[in-house]
């Protein structure tokens, strides 16, 4: 799920760059981000992003897997109907597959039923020209997944592009996102030959994923030991930083009851 969320993070951070990439005929228009909760029995779309230009809605959905319930073509149709009813504008839908696959779903561009046909666009990153990503920091994290005859050479080019980003914070965040996507294609050892680990680990998205991983691990341990815990306590734990969660994990070994956990959290505050 980190891959989908990382793609969503980038699209929300750089909406105009994504719109210019996928709607070149409407380049340089003002782009706004629409909420990802759709009305009519609301659903929360965690791996999609809805962008709005002056005259069109751009619906992006990022996928690493082809399996889905309901199937992806039907989901795309469902989103289309909800968006159309809510915004009454033309809609371009783009399903972006991050990881190479030969599954026919990745090559399907329409939903077909007895009386219904609905078309949408599909982008398979492994078929895309890497140059369009290498020259744009907003899209640079996708470059390791692009078409190439020499993946290691491509990864070297990506690292060089990351290094040229002048803003330190942006460089850290792009490096973190790049490492996440590169993990779909390369081994950790190869990634770290080209991308500096200290830079990647300082990125916001990288730290966010680490924090979520620490929280999930502790949550499982907590449930196994003490059973269901009050929601307010869980929310306090969820708000902890990665370092605080690590400290809690160590202290947890000495807890005899949930009261010890409550006391620890109170002392932290």
C-alpha atoms as a PDB file:
ATOM      1  CA  UNK A   1       0.000   0.000   0.000  1.00  0.00           C
ATOM      2  CA  UNK A   2       2.990   2.310   0.491  1.00  0.00           C
ATOM      3  CA  UNK A   3       3.500   2.475  -3.290  1.00  0.00           C
ATOM      4  CA  UNK A   4      -0.049   3.677  -3.944  1.00  0.00           C
ATOM      5  CA  UNK A   5       0.098   6.191  -1.103  1.00  0.00           C
ATOM      6  CA  UNK A   6       3.462   7.503  -2.285  1.00  0.00           C
ATOM      7  CA  UNK A   7       2.082   8.077  -5.783  1.00  0.00           C
ATOM      8  CA  UNK A   8      -0.918   9.835  -4.268  1.00  0.00           C
ATOM      9  CA  UNK A   9       1.400  11.971  -2.117  1.00  0.00           C
ATOM     10  CA  UNK A  10       3.313  13.109  -5.212  1.00  0.00           C
ATOM     11  CA  UNK A  11       0.163  13.875  -7.210  1.00  0.00           C
ATOM     12  CA  UNK A  12      -1.219  15.968  -4.358  1.00  0.00           C
ATOM     13  CA  UNK A  13       2.110  17.785  -3.918  1.00  0.00           C
ATOM     14  CA  UNK A  14       2.601  18.457  -7.638  1.00  0.00           C
ATOM     15  CA  UNK A  15      -0.910  18.445  -9.180  1.00  0.00           C
ATOM     16  CA  UNK A  16      -0.006  20.726 -12.116  1.00  0.00           C
ATOM     17  CA  UNK A  17       2.898  18.486 -13.164  1.00  0.00           C
ATOM     18  CA  UNK A  18       0.670  15.422 -13.215  1.00  0.00           C
ATOM     19  CA  UNK A  19      -2.030  17.272 -15.148  1.00  0.00           C
ATOM     20  CA  UNK A  20       0.537  18.507 -17.690  1.00  0.00           C
ATOM     21  CA  UNK A  21       1.870  14.954 -18.089  1.00  0.00           C
ATOM     22  CA  UNK A  22      -1.503  13.292 -18.617  1.00  0.00           C
ATOM     23  CA  UNK A  23      -3.463  16.180 -20.167  1.00  0.00           C
ATOM     24  CA  UNK A  24      -0.850  17.795 -22.440  1.00  0.00           C
ATOM     25  CA  UNK A  25      -3.523  19.529 -24.510  1.00  0.00           C
ATOM     26  CA  UNK A  26      -4.545  21.439 -21.364  1.00  0.00           C
ATOM     27  CA  UNK A  27      -1.039  22.203 -20.146  1.00  0.00           C
ATOM     28  CA  UNK A  28      -0.332  25.096 -17.764  1.00  0.00           C
ATOM     29  CA  UNK A  29      -3.924  25.460 -16.584  1.00  0.00           C
ATOM     30  CA  UNK A  30      -4.627  26.068 -12.920  1.00  0.00           C
ATOM     31  CA  UNK A  31      -5.152  22.742 -11.180  1.00  0.00           C
ATOM     32  CA  UNK A  32      -6.898  22.102  -7.866  1.00  0.00           C
ATOM     33  CA  UNK A  33      -7.158  18.937  -5.782  1.00  0.00           C
ATOM     34  CA  UNK A  34     -10.619  17.585  -5.106  1.00  0.00           C
ATOM     35  CA  UNK A  35     -11.456  15.671  -1.955  1.00  0.00           C
ATOM     36  CA  UNK A  36     -11.121  11.914  -2.354  1.00  0.00           C
ATOM     37  CA  UNK A  37     -14.407  11.077  -0.662  1.00  0.00           C
ATOM     38  CA  UNK A  38     -17.245  10.672  -3.139  1.00  0.00           C
ATOM     39  CA  UNK A  39     -20.902  11.163  -2.247  1.00  0.00           C
ATOM     40  CA  UNK A  40     -23.755   8.689  -2.834  1.00  0.00           C
ATOM     41  CA  UNK A  41     -22.893   6.088  -0.196  1.00  0.00           C
ATOM     42  CA  UNK A  42     -19.474   7.734   0.341  1.00  0.00           C
ATOM     43  CA  UNK A  43     -16.357   5.730  -0.336  1.00  0.00           C
ATOM     44  CA  UNK A  44     -12.847   6.705   0.632  1.00  0.00           C
ATOM     45  CA  UNK A  45     -10.454   6.416  -2.301  1.00  0.00           C
ATOM     46  CA  UNK A  46      -7.056   5.860  -0.687  1.00  0.00           C
ATOM     47  CA  UNK A  47      -5.000   5.191  -3.825  1.00  0.00           C
ATOM     48  CA  UNK A  48      -6.655   7.658  -6.207  1.00  0.00           C
ATOM     49  CA  UNK A  49      -6.430  11.377  -6.727  1.00  0.00           C
ATOM     50  CA  UNK A  50      -8.917  13.710  -8.344  1.00  0.00           C
ATOM     51  CA  UNK A  51      -7.546  16.859  -9.993  1.00  0.00           C
ATOM     52  CA  UNK A  52      -9.641  19.616 -11.497  1.00  0.00           C
ATOM     53  CA  UNK A  53      -8.610  21.933 -14.313  1.00  0.00           C
ATOM     54  CA  UNK A  54     -10.772  24.776 -15.556  1.00  0.00           C
ATOM     55  CA  UNK A  55     -12.843  22.495 -17.763  1.00  0.00           C
ATOM     56  CA  UNK A  56     -12.144  18.899 -16.764  1.00  0.00           C
ATOM     57  CA  UNK A  57     -11.751  16.403 -13.915  1.00  0.00           C
ATOM     58  CA  UNK A  58      -8.635  14.218 -14.019  1.00  0.00           C
ATOM     59  CA  UNK A  59      -9.075  10.974 -12.102  1.00  0.00           C
ATOM     60  CA  UNK A  60      -5.810   9.134 -11.423  1.00  0.00           C
ATOM     61  CA  UNK A  61      -5.647   5.684  -9.894  1.00  0.00           C
ATOM     62  CA  UNK A  62      -2.332   4.043  -9.054  1.00  0.00           C
ATOM     63  CA  UNK A  63      -2.040   0.249  -8.928  1.00  0.00           C
ATOM     64  CA  UNK A  64       0.689  -2.234  -8.168  1.00  0.00           C
ATOM     65  CA  UNK A  65      -1.686  -5.212  -8.293  1.00  0.00           C
ATOM     66  CA  UNK A  66      -4.243  -6.149 -10.935  1.00  0.00           C
ATOM     67  CA  UNK A  67      -6.553  -8.009  -8.587  1.00  0.00           C
ATOM     68  CA  UNK A  68      -9.353  -5.961  -7.089  1.00  0.00           C
ATOM     69  CA  UNK A  69     -12.810  -6.399  -5.612  1.00  0.00           C
ATOM     70  CA  UNK A  70     -14.777  -5.163  -7.457  1.00  0.00           C
ATOM     71  CA  UNK A  71     -12.645  -5.655 -10.601  1.00  0.00           C
ATOM     72  CA  UNK A  72     -10.724  -2.563 -11.711  1.00  0.00           C
ATOM     73  CA  UNK A  73     -12.775  -1.815 -14.868  1.00  0.00           C
ATOM     74  CA  UNK A  74     -15.987  -1.801 -12.829  1.00  0.00           C
ATOM     75  CA  UNK A  75     -14.367   0.392 -10.173  1.00  0.00           C
ATOM     76  CA  UNK A  76     -13.362   2.903 -12.842  1.00  0.00           C
ATOM     77  CA  UNK A  77     -16.947   3.025 -14.110  1.00  0.00           C
ATOM     78  CA  UNK A  78     -18.240   3.456 -10.561  1.00  0.00           C
ATOM     79  CA  UNK A  79     -15.909   6.408  -9.974  1.00  0.00           C
ATOM     80  CA  UNK A  80     -16.952   7.937 -13.292  1.00  0.00           C
ATOM     81  CA  UNK A  81     -20.641   7.867 -12.422  1.00  0.00           C
ATOM     82  CA  UNK A  82     -20.039   9.321  -8.967  1.00  0.00           C
ATOM     83  CA  UNK A  83     -17.763  12.077 -10.289  1.00  0.00           C
ATOM     84  CA  UNK A  84     -20.128  12.933 -13.126  1.00  0.00           C
ATOM     85  CA  UNK A  85     -23.099  13.192 -10.818  1.00  0.00           C
ATOM     86  CA  UNK A  86     -21.199  15.320  -8.314  1.00  0.00           C
ATOM     87  CA  UNK A  87     -19.273  17.712 -10.589  1.00  0.00           C
ATOM     88  CA  UNK A  88     -21.070  17.628 -13.984  1.00  0.00           C
ATOM     89  CA  UNK A  89     -17.833  18.084 -15.955  1.00  0.00           C
ATOM     90  CA  UNK A  90     -15.922  16.094 -18.596  1.00  0.00           C
ATOM     91  CA  UNK A  91     -13.760  13.440 -16.941  1.00  0.00           C
ATOM     92  CA  UNK A  92     -10.489  11.856 -18.002  1.00  0.00           C
ATOM     93  CA  UNK A  93      -9.687   8.667 -16.102  1.00  0.00           C
ATOM     94  CA  UNK A  94      -6.177   7.231 -16.091  1.00  0.00           C
ATOM     95  CA  UNK A  95      -5.286   3.916 -14.474  1.00  0.00           C
ATOM     96  CA  UNK A  96      -1.519   3.863 -13.841  1.00  0.00           C
ATOM     97  CA  UNK A  97       0.176   0.503 -13.279  1.00  0.00           C
ATOM     98  CA  UNK A  98       3.431   0.827 -11.372  1.00  0.00           C
ATOM     99  CA  UNK A  99       4.816  -2.711 -11.551  1.00  0.00           C
ATOM    100  CA  UNK A 100       5.348  -4.662 -14.759  1.00  0.00           C
ATOM    101  CA  UNK A 101       2.881  -7.460 -15.373  1.00  0.00           C
ATOM    102  CA  UNK A 102       1.459  -9.431 -18.288  1.00  0.00           C
ATOM    103  CA  UNK A 103      -1.981  -9.699 -16.677  1.00  0.00           C
ATOM    104  CA  UNK A 104      -4.657  -8.774 -19.212  1.00  0.00           C
ATOM    105  CA  UNK A 105      -6.191  -6.314 -16.733  1.00  0.00           C
ATOM    106  CA  UNK A 106      -3.185  -4.023 -17.265  1.00  0.00           C
ATOM    107  CA  UNK A 107      -3.963  -4.035 -20.993  1.00  0.00           C
ATOM    108  CA  UNK A 108      -7.715  -3.514 -20.633  1.00  0.00           C
ATOM    109  CA  UNK A 109      -9.024  -0.024 -21.361  1.00  0.00           C
ATOM    110  CA  UNK A 110     -12.760  -0.451 -21.002  1.00  0.00           C
ATOM    111  CA  UNK A 111     -15.532  -1.920 -18.920  1.00  0.00           C
ATOM    112  CA  UNK A 112     -17.963  -3.946 -21.013  1.00  0.00           C
ATOM    113  CA  UNK A 113     -21.313  -5.334 -19.960  1.00  0.00           C
ATOM    114  CA  UNK A 114     -24.441  -6.431 -21.797  1.00  0.00           C
ATOM    115  CA  UNK A 115     -25.644  -2.886 -22.482  1.00  0.00           C
ATOM    116  CA  UNK A 116     -22.736  -0.771 -21.235  1.00  0.00           C
ATOM    117  CA  UNK A 117     -19.281   0.160 -22.511  1.00  0.00           C
ATOM    118  CA  UNK A 118     -17.081   2.589 -20.598  1.00  0.00           C
ATOM    119  CA  UNK A 119     -13.565   3.543 -21.738  1.00  0.00           C
ATOM    120  CA  UNK A 120     -10.611   4.865 -19.785  1.00  0.00           C
ATOM    121  CA  UNK A 121      -6.866   5.303 -20.294  1.00  0.00           C
ATOM    122  CA  UNK A 122      -4.186   2.951 -19.007  1.00  0.00           C
ATOM    123  CA  UNK A 123      -0.550   3.929 -18.453  1.00  0.00           C
ATOM    124  CA  UNK A 124       1.962   1.117 -17.943  1.00  0.00           C
ATOM    125  CA  UNK A 125       5.040   2.757 -16.492  1.00  0.00           C
ATOM    126  CA  UNK A 126       7.421   0.106 -17.814  1.00  0.00           C
ATOM    127  CA  UNK A 127       6.487   1.235 -21.349  1.00  0.00           C
ATOM    128  CA  UNK A 128       7.051   4.947 -20.697  1.00  0.00           C
ATOM    129  CA  UNK A 129      10.068   6.955 -21.864  1.00  0.00           C
ATOM    130  CA  UNK A 130      12.261   7.627 -18.821  1.00  0.00           C
ATOM    131  CA  UNK A 131      13.327  11.025 -20.142  1.00  0.00           C
ATOM    132  CA  UNK A 132       9.967  12.642 -19.347  1.00  0.00           C
ATOM    133  CA  UNK A 133      10.452  11.660 -15.706  1.00  0.00           C
ATOM    134  CA  UNK A 134      14.166  12.421 -15.393  1.00  0.00           C
ATOM    135  CA  UNK A 135      13.641  16.051 -16.362  1.00  0.00           C
ATOM    136  CA  UNK A 136      10.873  16.759 -13.841  1.00  0.00           C
ATOM    137  CA  UNK A 137      11.393  16.429 -10.051  1.00  0.00           C
ATOM    138  CA  UNK A 138       7.658  15.843  -9.515  1.00  0.00           C
ATOM    139  CA  UNK A 139       7.722  12.764 -11.758  1.00  0.00           C
ATOM    140  CA  UNK A 140      11.319  11.709 -11.084  1.00  0.00           C
ATOM    141  CA  UNK A 141      10.393   8.951  -8.559  1.00  0.00           C
ATOM    142  CA  UNK A 142       8.631   7.078 -11.398  1.00  0.00           C
ATOM    143  CA  UNK A 143      11.787   7.014 -13.556  1.00  0.00           C
ATOM    144  CA  UNK A 144      13.186   3.753 -12.075  1.00  0.00           C
ATOM    145  CA  UNK A 145      10.062   1.983 -13.376  1.00  0.00           C
ATOM    146  CA  UNK A 146      10.284   3.367 -16.934  1.00  0.00           C
ATOM    147  CA  UNK A 147      11.416   1.639 -20.144  1.00  0.00           C
ATOM    148  CA  UNK A 148      15.136   0.901 -20.315  1.00  0.00           C
ATOM    149  CA  UNK A 149      17.642  -1.562 -21.775  1.00  0.00           C
ATOM    150  CA  UNK A 150      19.915  -1.085 -18.762  1.00  0.00           C
ATOM    151  CA  UNK A 151      18.077  -0.766 -15.425  1.00  0.00           C
ATOM    152  CA  UNK A 152      21.268  -0.075 -13.458  1.00  0.00           C
ATOM    153  CA  UNK A 153      22.248   2.732 -15.856  1.00  0.00           C
ATOM    154  CA  UNK A 154      18.766   4.190 -15.478  1.00  0.00           C
ATOM    155  CA  UNK A 155      19.053   4.066 -11.688  1.00  0.00           C
ATOM    156  CA  UNK A 156      22.381   5.906 -11.929  1.00  0.00           C
ATOM    157  CA  UNK A 157      20.729   8.613 -14.066  1.00  0.00           C
ATOM    158  CA  UNK A 158      17.910   8.879 -11.527  1.00  0.00           C
ATOM    159  CA  UNK A 159      20.414   9.351  -8.694  1.00  0.00           C
ATOM    160  CA  UNK A 160      22.169  12.094 -10.649  1.00  0.00           C
ATOM    161  CA  UNK A 161      18.857  13.877 -11.257  1.00  0.00           C
ATOM    162  CA  UNK A 162      17.939  13.655  -7.576  1.00  0.00           C
ATOM    163  CA  UNK A 163      21.309  15.153  -6.625  1.00  0.00           C
ATOM    164  CA  UNK A 164      20.688  18.226  -8.809  1.00  0.00           C
ATOM    165  CA  UNK A 165      17.474  19.253  -6.996  1.00  0.00           C
ATOM    166  CA  UNK A 166      18.552  22.515  -5.316  1.00  0.00           C
ATOM    167  CA  UNK A 167      16.072  22.621  -2.428  1.00  0.00           C
ATOM    168  CA  UNK A 168      17.282  20.320   0.363  1.00  0.00           C
ATOM    169  CA  UNK A 169      13.834  19.399   1.719  1.00  0.00           C
ATOM    170  CA  UNK A 170      12.462  18.697  -1.750  1.00  0.00           C
ATOM    171  CA  UNK A 171      15.565  16.643  -2.572  1.00  0.00           C
ATOM    172  CA  UNK A 172      15.054  14.535   0.561  1.00  0.00           C
ATOM    173  CA  UNK A 173      11.372  13.930  -0.171  1.00  0.00           C
ATOM    174  CA  UNK A 174      11.949  13.065  -3.835  1.00  0.00           C
ATOM    175  CA  UNK A 175      14.806  10.742  -2.836  1.00  0.00           C
ATOM    176  CA  UNK A 176      12.547   8.973  -0.329  1.00  0.00           C
ATOM    177  CA  UNK A 177       9.772   8.508  -2.893  1.00  0.00           C
ATOM    178  CA  UNK A 178      12.282   7.346  -5.495  1.00  0.00           C
ATOM    179  CA  UNK A 179      13.637   4.669  -3.180  1.00  0.00           C
ATOM    180  CA  UNK A 180      10.131   3.369  -2.501  1.00  0.00           C
ATOM    181  CA  UNK A 181       9.301   2.965  -6.196  1.00  0.00           C
ATOM    182  CA  UNK A 182      12.762   1.648  -7.077  1.00  0.00           C
ATOM    183  CA  UNK A 183      12.057  -1.176  -4.632  1.00  0.00           C
ATOM    184  CA  UNK A 184       9.526  -2.562  -7.114  1.00  0.00           C
ATOM    185  CA  UNK A 185      12.362  -3.278  -9.563  1.00  0.00           C
ATOM    186  CA  UNK A 186      15.725  -3.261  -7.803  1.00  0.00           C
ATOM    187  CA  UNK A 187      17.326  -4.894  -4.783  1.00  0.00           C
ATOM    188  CA  UNK A 188      18.028  -2.767  -1.710  1.00  0.00           C
ATOM    189  CA  UNK A 189      21.773  -3.190  -2.164  1.00  0.00           C
ATOM    190  CA  UNK A 190      21.665  -1.836  -5.723  1.00  0.00           C
ATOM    191  CA  UNK A 191      19.445   1.089  -4.708  1.00  0.00           C
ATOM    192  CA  UNK A 192      21.843   2.084  -1.953  1.00  0.00           C
ATOM    193  CA  UNK A 193      24.785   2.004  -4.348  1.00  0.00           C
ATOM    194  CA  UNK A 194      23.239   4.981  -6.126  1.00  0.00           C
ATOM    195  CA  UNK A 195      20.901   6.706  -3.666  1.00  0.00           C
ATOM    196  CA  UNK A 196      22.287   8.018  -0.379  1.00  0.00           C
ATOM    197  CA  UNK A 197      20.488   6.289   2.471  1.00  0.00           C
ATOM    198  CA  UNK A 198      20.852   9.225   4.892  1.00  0.00           C
ATOM    199  CA  UNK A 199      19.115  11.580   2.449  1.00  0.00           C
ATOM    200  CA  UNK A 200      16.266   9.144   1.811  1.00  0.00           C
ATOM    201  CA  UNK A 201      15.656   8.476   5.485  1.00  0.00           C
ATOM    202  CA  UNK A 202      15.229  12.185   6.233  1.00  0.00           C
ATOM    203  CA  UNK A 203      12.339  12.519   3.775  1.00  0.00           C
ATOM    204  CA  UNK A 204       8.810  13.187   5.053  1.00  0.00           C
ATOM    205  CA  UNK A 205       7.205  10.311   3.138  1.00  0.00           C
ATOM    206  CA  UNK A 206       9.929   7.854   4.202  1.00  0.00           C
ATOM    207  CA  UNK A 207       9.494   8.769   7.865  1.00  0.00           C
ATOM    208  CA  UNK A 208       5.717   8.552   7.512  1.00  0.00           C
ATOM    209  CA  UNK A 209       5.943   4.997   6.187  1.00  0.00           C
ATOM    210  CA  UNK A 210       8.372   4.035   8.955  1.00  0.00           C
ATOM    211  CA  UNK A 211       6.005   5.497  11.554  1.00  0.00           C
ATOM    212  CA  UNK A 212       3.048   3.560  10.148  1.00  0.00           C
ATOM    213  CA  UNK A 213       5.069   0.357  10.166  1.00  0.00           C
ATOM    214  CA  UNK A 214       6.102   0.848  13.794  1.00  0.00           C
ATOM    215  CA  UNK A 215       2.498   1.622  14.779  1.00  0.00           C
ATOM    216  CA  UNK A 216       1.107  -1.504  13.073  1.00  0.00           C
ATOM    217  CA  UNK A 217       3.724  -3.698  14.743  1.00  0.00           C
ATOM    218  CA  UNK A 218       3.029  -2.285  18.204  1.00  0.00           C
ATOM    219  CA  UNK A 219      -0.749  -2.438  17.665  1.00  0.00           C
ATOM    220  CA  UNK A 220      -0.540  -6.166  16.906  1.00  0.00           C
ATOM    221  CA  UNK A 221       1.580  -6.738  20.014  1.00  0.00           C
ATOM    222  CA  UNK A 222      -0.828  -4.712  22.148  1.00  0.00           C
ATOM    223  CA  UNK A 223      -3.894  -6.635  20.969  1.00  0.00           C
ATOM    224  CA  UNK A 224      -2.201  -9.987  21.455  1.00  0.00           C
ATOM    225  CA  UNK A 225      -1.211  -9.157  25.025  1.00  0.00           C
ATOM    226  CA  UNK A 226      -4.100  -7.094  26.402  1.00  0.00           C
ATOM    227  CA  UNK A 227      -6.930  -7.599  23.911  1.00  0.00           C
ATOM    228  CA  UNK A 228      -9.050  -4.705  22.685  1.00  0.00           C
ATOM    229  CA  UNK A 229      -7.924  -1.311  24.021  1.00  0.00           C
ATOM    230  CA  UNK A 230      -9.918   1.914  24.287  1.00  0.00           C
ATOM    231  CA  UNK A 231      -9.940   3.955  21.058  1.00  0.00           C
ATOM    232  CA  UNK A 232      -8.659   7.105  22.772  1.00  0.00           C
ATOM    233  CA  UNK A 233      -5.497   5.252  23.821  1.00  0.00           C
ATOM    234  CA  UNK A 234      -4.971   3.934  20.291  1.00  0.00           C
ATOM    235  CA  UNK A 235      -5.231   7.463  18.898  1.00  0.00           C
ATOM    236  CA  UNK A 236      -2.601   8.698  21.358  1.00  0.00           C
ATOM    237  CA  UNK A 237      -0.271   5.929  20.208  1.00  0.00           C
ATOM    238  CA  UNK A 238      -0.981   6.678  16.537  1.00  0.00           C
ATOM    239  CA  UNK A 239       0.154  10.280  17.067  1.00  0.00           C
ATOM    240  CA  UNK A 240       3.595   9.248  18.373  1.00  0.00           C
ATOM    241  CA  UNK A 241       6.715   9.777  16.283  1.00  0.00           C
ATOM    242  CA  UNK A 242       8.828   6.875  15.039  1.00  0.00           C
ATOM    243  CA  UNK A 243      11.356   7.426  17.848  1.00  0.00           C
ATOM    244  CA  UNK A 244       8.593   7.534  20.480  1.00  0.00           C
ATOM    245  CA  UNK A 245       7.060   4.328  19.120  1.00  0.00           C
ATOM    246  CA  UNK A 246      10.454   2.626  19.337  1.00  0.00           C
ATOM    247  CA  UNK A 247      10.787   3.774  22.962  1.00  0.00           C
ATOM    248  CA  UNK A 248       7.266   2.560  23.710  1.00  0.00           C
ATOM    249  CA  UNK A 249       8.095  -0.823  22.177  1.00  0.00           C
ATOM    250  CA  UNK A 250      10.968  -1.228  24.634  1.00  0.00           C
ATOM    251  CA  UNK A 251       8.977   0.012  27.644  1.00  0.00           C
ATOM    252  CA  UNK A 252       6.076  -2.264  26.698  1.00  0.00           C
ATOM    253  CA  UNK A 253       8.137  -5.298  27.710  1.00  0.00           C
ATOM    254  CA  UNK A 254       7.797  -4.216  31.349  1.00  0.00           C
ATOM    255  CA  UNK A 255       4.066  -3.378  31.279  1.00  0.00           C
ATOM    256  CA  UNK A 256       1.847  -5.585  33.411  1.00  0.00           C
ATOM    257  CA  UNK A 257      -1.467  -4.005  32.359  1.00  0.00           C
ATOM    258  CA  UNK A 258      -3.034  -1.346  30.164  1.00  0.00           C
ATOM    259  CA  UNK A 259      -2.746   1.022  33.152  1.00  0.00           C
ATOM    260  CA  UNK A 260       1.032   0.950  32.725  1.00  0.00           C
ATOM    261  CA  UNK A 261       0.581   1.999  29.109  1.00  0.00           C
ATOM    262  CA  UNK A 262      -1.729   4.857  30.112  1.00  0.00           C
ATOM    263  CA  UNK A 263       0.788   6.030  32.707  1.00  0.00           C
ATOM    264  CA  UNK A 264       3.632   5.924  30.152  1.00  0.00           C
ATOM    265  CA  UNK A 265       1.637   8.002  27.675  1.00  0.00           C
ATOM    266  CA  UNK A 266       0.710  10.531  30.375  1.00  0.00           C
ATOM    267  CA  UNK A 267       4.348  10.929  31.383  1.00  0.00           C
ATOM    268  CA  UNK A 268       5.312  11.486  27.750  1.00  0.00           C
ATOM    269  CA  UNK A 269       2.842  14.361  27.465  1.00  0.00           C
END
